Protein backbone atom coordinates (compact mmCIF):
# COMPACT_ATOMS: atom_id res chain seq x y z
CA UNK A 1 96.96 78.61 72.30
CA UNK A 2 95.54 76.40 69.58
CA UNK A 3 93.53 76.24 66.41
CA UNK A 4 91.65 73.44 64.73
CA UNK A 5 92.94 72.07 61.43
CA UNK A 6 90.98 72.44 58.18
CA UNK A 7 91.53 73.32 54.56
CA UNK A 8 93.82 72.27 51.73
CA UNK A 9 97.60 72.31 51.81
CA UNK A 10 97.85 75.40 49.62
CA UNK A 11 95.71 78.50 49.55
CA UNK A 12 95.26 82.24 49.36
CA UNK A 13 96.06 84.83 52.02
CA UNK A 14 94.38 88.25 51.82
CA UNK A 15 95.24 90.88 54.43
CA UNK A 16 93.26 93.93 55.51
CA UNK A 17 94.98 96.51 57.72
CA UNK A 18 93.97 99.90 59.06
CA UNK A 19 93.10 101.84 62.21
CA UNK A 20 90.16 101.19 64.51
CA UNK A 21 86.68 101.94 63.21
CA UNK A 22 87.37 101.69 59.49
CA UNK A 23 85.10 98.67 59.18
CA UNK A 24 87.86 96.08 58.82
CA UNK A 25 86.14 93.33 60.79
CA UNK A 26 82.80 93.72 59.02
CA UNK A 27 84.16 93.85 55.48
CA UNK A 28 86.76 91.13 56.13
CA UNK A 29 84.02 88.73 57.25
CA UNK A 30 81.83 89.57 54.25
CA UNK A 31 84.72 89.37 51.80
CA UNK A 32 85.71 85.98 53.18
CA UNK A 33 82.13 84.74 52.74
CA UNK A 34 81.96 85.93 49.14
CA UNK A 35 85.29 84.34 48.24
CA UNK A 36 84.75 81.13 50.21
CA UNK A 37 87.69 81.79 52.54
CA UNK A 38 88.13 81.61 56.31
CA UNK A 39 88.28 84.82 58.34
CA UNK A 40 90.74 85.85 61.06
CA UNK A 41 90.23 88.91 63.25
CA UNK A 42 93.78 89.28 64.60
CA UNK A 43 92.86 92.36 66.61
CA UNK A 44 90.51 90.26 68.71
CA UNK A 45 93.51 88.25 69.85
CA UNK A 46 95.17 91.39 71.25
CA UNK A 47 91.88 92.28 72.88
CA UNK A 48 91.87 88.82 74.44
CA UNK A 49 95.36 89.55 75.76
CA UNK A 50 93.95 92.74 77.29
CA UNK A 51 91.21 90.69 78.96
CA UNK A 52 93.87 88.39 80.41
CA UNK A 53 95.78 91.44 81.67
CA UNK A 54 92.67 92.85 83.36
CA UNK A 55 91.29 89.62 84.78
CA UNK A 56 94.62 88.26 86.03
CA UNK A 57 95.74 91.62 87.40
CA UNK A 58 98.84 91.77 85.19
CA UNK A 59 100.01 95.32 84.51
CA UNK A 60 100.11 96.15 80.80
CA UNK A 61 103.81 97.03 81.10
CA UNK A 62 104.67 93.64 82.61
CA UNK A 63 105.11 92.22 79.12
CA UNK A 64 107.07 89.08 79.97
CA UNK A 65 104.55 87.99 82.59
CA UNK A 66 101.63 88.68 80.25
CA UNK A 67 103.30 86.80 77.39
CA UNK A 68 103.87 83.86 79.73
CA UNK A 69 100.21 83.97 80.81
CA UNK A 70 99.12 83.90 77.16
CA UNK A 71 101.14 80.76 76.60
CA UNK A 72 99.35 79.09 79.51
CA UNK A 73 95.77 79.79 78.41
CA UNK A 74 93.64 78.12 75.76
CA UNK A 75 92.79 80.89 73.29
CA UNK A 76 91.09 79.57 70.19
CA UNK A 77 88.48 80.32 67.55
CA UNK A 78 85.40 78.18 67.04
CA UNK A 79 85.51 77.91 63.23
CA UNK A 80 82.04 76.37 63.13
CA UNK A 81 80.62 79.82 63.95
CA UNK A 82 80.36 82.64 61.40
CA UNK A 83 82.21 84.83 62.16
CA UNK A 84 84.47 82.52 64.20
CA UNK A 85 83.77 82.83 67.93
CA UNK A 86 86.77 83.67 70.12
CA UNK A 87 87.01 81.52 73.24
CA UNK A 88 89.25 81.93 76.28
CA UNK A 89 89.59 78.70 78.24
CA UNK A 90 86.27 77.56 76.78
CA UNK A 91 84.44 80.85 77.53
CA UNK A 92 82.97 82.94 74.72
CA UNK A 93 84.59 86.39 75.03
CA UNK A 94 83.30 87.85 71.75
CA UNK A 95 81.34 90.56 73.59
CA UNK A 96 83.76 91.01 76.48
CA UNK A 97 86.62 92.06 74.22
CA UNK A 98 84.58 94.99 72.85
CA UNK A 99 83.95 96.64 76.21
CA UNK A 100 85.49 100.03 76.97
CA UNK A 101 87.89 98.87 79.68
CA UNK A 102 89.45 96.50 77.17
CA UNK A 103 89.54 99.19 74.46
CA UNK A 104 91.28 101.49 76.91
CA UNK A 105 94.32 99.21 77.36
CA UNK A 106 94.51 97.10 74.21
CA UNK A 107 96.96 99.40 72.40
CA UNK A 108 99.26 99.43 75.43
CA UNK A 109 99.10 95.63 75.51
CA UNK A 110 99.64 95.34 71.77
CA UNK A 111 102.80 97.43 71.74
CA UNK A 112 104.67 94.98 73.98
CA UNK A 113 107.15 92.92 71.86
CA UNK A 114 106.88 89.71 73.96
CA UNK A 115 103.09 89.78 73.61
CA UNK A 116 103.30 90.45 69.88
CA UNK A 117 105.76 87.60 69.45
CA UNK A 118 103.34 85.13 71.03
CA UNK A 119 100.33 86.32 69.04
CA UNK A 120 102.09 86.71 65.68
CA UNK A 121 103.27 83.12 66.05
CA UNK A 122 99.69 82.04 66.82
CA UNK A 123 98.36 83.90 63.75
CA UNK A 124 100.90 82.22 61.47
CA UNK A 125 99.97 78.82 62.87
CA UNK A 126 96.30 79.58 62.17
CA UNK A 127 97.22 80.43 58.56
CA UNK A 128 99.02 77.10 58.23
CA UNK A 129 95.87 75.30 59.34
CA UNK A 130 93.50 77.64 57.47
CA UNK A 131 95.52 78.51 54.34
CA UNK A 132 92.56 80.07 52.51
CA UNK A 133 92.25 83.11 54.75
CA UNK A 134 91.21 86.74 54.96
CA UNK A 135 93.17 88.17 57.90
CA UNK A 136 92.56 91.65 59.25
CA UNK A 137 94.34 93.79 61.82
CA UNK A 138 97.08 96.39 61.96
CA UNK A 139 100.21 94.53 60.86
CA UNK A 140 98.89 91.63 58.81
CA UNK A 141 100.23 92.77 55.45
CA UNK A 142 103.37 94.42 56.79
CA UNK A 143 104.62 91.90 59.38
CA UNK A 144 102.57 88.74 59.80
CA UNK A 145 101.91 87.91 56.12
CA UNK A 146 104.16 90.20 54.05
CA UNK A 147 103.91 87.82 51.08
CA UNK A 148 100.10 87.77 51.05
CA UNK A 149 98.62 87.53 47.56
CA UNK A 150 96.70 90.76 48.04
CA UNK A 151 96.89 93.42 50.74
CA UNK A 152 94.33 96.12 51.54
CA UNK A 153 94.61 99.19 53.77
CA UNK A 154 91.38 100.81 54.99
CA UNK A 155 91.20 104.33 56.41
CA UNK A 156 88.49 106.82 57.43
CA UNK A 157 88.06 110.14 59.21
CA UNK A 158 88.47 109.75 63.02
CA UNK A 159 85.03 111.27 63.73
CA UNK A 160 83.37 108.86 61.31
CA UNK A 161 85.21 105.97 62.93
CA UNK A 162 84.11 107.12 66.38
CA UNK A 163 80.45 107.27 65.34
CA UNK A 164 80.71 103.76 63.93
CA UNK A 165 82.23 102.46 67.14
CA UNK A 166 79.50 104.17 69.22
CA UNK A 167 76.83 102.46 67.11
CA UNK A 168 78.57 99.13 67.57
CA UNK A 169 78.78 99.55 71.34
CA UNK A 170 75.23 100.91 71.64
CA UNK A 171 73.84 97.95 69.72
CA UNK A 172 75.55 95.72 72.29
CA UNK A 173 73.80 97.54 75.14
CA UNK A 174 76.65 99.87 76.18
CA UNK A 175 76.13 103.57 76.85
CA UNK A 176 79.07 105.61 75.56
CA UNK A 177 79.89 109.19 74.63
CA UNK A 178 81.00 110.08 71.08
CA UNK A 179 83.67 112.52 72.28
CA UNK A 180 85.09 109.91 74.66
CA UNK A 181 85.24 107.31 71.91
CA UNK A 182 86.78 109.83 69.49
CA UNK A 183 89.54 110.62 71.95
CA UNK A 184 90.09 106.91 72.59
CA UNK A 185 90.45 106.29 68.85
CA UNK A 186 92.92 109.17 68.41
CA UNK A 187 94.94 107.87 71.35
CA UNK A 188 94.98 104.35 69.94
CA UNK A 189 95.97 105.65 66.50
CA UNK A 190 98.97 107.37 68.05
CA UNK A 191 100.03 104.35 70.07
CA UNK A 192 99.50 101.91 67.20
CA UNK A 193 101.42 104.00 64.66
CA UNK A 194 104.38 104.87 66.92
CA UNK A 195 105.08 101.53 68.61
CA UNK A 196 108.49 100.07 67.78
CA UNK A 197 107.29 96.53 67.08
CA UNK A 198 104.79 96.01 64.24
CA UNK A 199 103.51 99.60 64.00
CA UNK A 200 100.34 100.43 62.11
CA UNK A 201 101.51 101.32 58.59
CA UNK A 202 100.19 101.00 55.08
CA UNK A 203 101.95 97.91 53.66
CA UNK A 204 103.96 98.49 50.50
CA UNK A 205 101.84 97.70 47.46
CA UNK A 206 98.58 97.67 49.41
CA UNK A 207 95.32 98.80 47.84
CA UNK A 208 94.14 101.82 49.86
CA UNK A 209 90.41 102.39 50.39
CA UNK A 210 88.97 105.39 52.27
CA UNK A 211 85.71 104.10 53.75
CA UNK A 212 84.49 107.45 55.18
CA UNK A 213 81.77 107.97 52.57
CA UNK A 214 81.23 104.36 51.51
CA UNK A 215 78.61 101.86 52.57
CA UNK A 216 79.78 98.43 53.70
CA UNK A 217 78.62 96.70 50.50
CA UNK A 218 80.43 99.30 48.37
CA UNK A 219 83.70 98.60 50.19
CA UNK A 220 83.26 94.84 49.87
CA UNK A 221 82.41 95.18 46.18
CA UNK A 222 85.67 97.08 45.55
CA UNK A 223 87.68 94.53 47.49
CA UNK A 224 86.01 91.53 45.88
CA UNK A 225 86.71 92.82 42.35
CA UNK A 226 90.34 93.53 43.21
CA UNK A 227 90.76 90.17 44.92
CA UNK A 228 89.20 88.16 42.09
CA UNK A 229 91.32 90.00 39.52
CA UNK A 230 94.49 89.27 41.51
CA UNK A 231 93.57 85.64 42.17
CA UNK A 232 92.69 85.13 38.50
CA UNK A 233 95.92 86.75 37.39
CA UNK A 234 97.95 84.68 39.81
CA UNK A 235 96.39 81.46 38.53
CA UNK A 236 96.93 82.52 34.91
CA UNK A 237 100.59 83.14 35.63
CA UNK A 238 101.13 79.69 37.14
């Protein structure tokens, strides 16, 4: 697993955590653009691991074998694309990772400590090479980057999150049922919040935003103001 090297030696890390369907990926990308930072979708890396599990016929519970497989593949982001395009052995899997079979097993894959160890290490290496970064996922502010300058936690009603995910899938040409997606989200919430390694939690000191009744631009506006205030204050205190 590798990442290309760009950026200055020092920088700013902003984390955005929360359950599926809260709009993390969308707002993280937009926030990064507004602030002139790079953007990392850490959840896509676990989805890529799920793709590897499915395509190589590795059972989700065979964590050691899956972790070994992840160390043998070339999983990287193309930082020339916006948002960065995720590639698996040179193949663009940006759409593949959003399909329902992947969604159905990604939480099982993500709860495996050997898999998490490989991917957390990869995320930290990316941050070393891209030190001006907005990183979103489920454990970015609590585990991967606990000393991030600013940490956000997004939440929303499960039904709202399901409708958002249906729209996302439908726009990609997939036919899905709202009730099925709602149940999938509730199941993933349970698995993500109860796993022993890197569970989904609200990081201590995080700014909490409920996105249920907010438009994307409203969420990004709130985050941008908070981020600029924190960055300005941090520079003033230097």
